[in-house]
Amino acid sequence: ARLIPDGQLIVYPGTGHLGTFRHKRFAADVAAFLSG
């Protein structure tokens, strides 16, 4: 996150690195970040 301007680190408790992409909130969180 520190190398991406305005980047955010989002942690999904109990979810491993690869599990983040399948997490139910992942798509919404990415869309919210990209829309500003």
Protein backbone atom coordinates (compact mmCIF):
# COMPACT_ATOMS: atom_id res chain seq x y z
CA ALA A 1 0.00 0.00 0.00
CA ARG A 2 2.86 2.41 0.58
CA LEU A 3 3.99 2.26 -3.06
CA ILE A 4 0.53 3.06 -4.42
CA PRO A 5 -0.59 6.70 -4.01
CA ASP A 6 -3.56 6.81 -1.62
CA GLY A 7 -3.35 3.01 -1.35
CA GLN A 8 -5.19 1.17 1.38
CA LEU A 9 -4.47 -2.09 3.15
CA ILE A 10 -7.64 -4.05 3.77
CA VAL A 11 -7.53 -7.07 6.05
CA TYR A 12 -10.29 -9.65 6.07
CA PRO A 13 -9.98 -11.47 9.43
CA GLY A 14 -9.57 -15.22 9.07
CA THR A 15 -8.79 -14.97 5.34
CA GLY A 16 -5.43 -15.85 3.81
CA HIS A 17 -3.71 -14.02 0.96
CA LEU A 18 -5.37 -15.97 -1.87
CA GLY A 19 -8.70 -16.06 -0.07
CA THR A 20 -9.05 -12.29 -0.33
CA PHE A 21 -10.01 -12.54 -4.01
CA ARG A 22 -12.95 -14.80 -3.14
CA HIS A 23 -14.04 -12.81 -0.10
CA LYS A 24 -17.61 -11.52 -0.43
CA ARG A 25 -16.54 -7.89 0.16
CA PHE A 26 -13.49 -7.86 -2.15
CA ALA A 27 -15.20 -6.68 -5.35
CA ALA A 28 -17.13 -3.94 -3.55
CA ASP A 29 -14.00 -2.75 -1.72
CA VAL A 30 -11.99 -2.59 -4.95
CA ALA A 31 -14.79 -0.75 -6.76
CA ALA A 32 -15.07 1.76 -3.91
CA PHE A 33 -11.31 2.36 -3.95
CA LEU A 34 -11.18 2.85 -7.72
CA SER A 35 -14.16 5.20 -7.79
CA GLY A 36 -12.43 7.44 -5.30
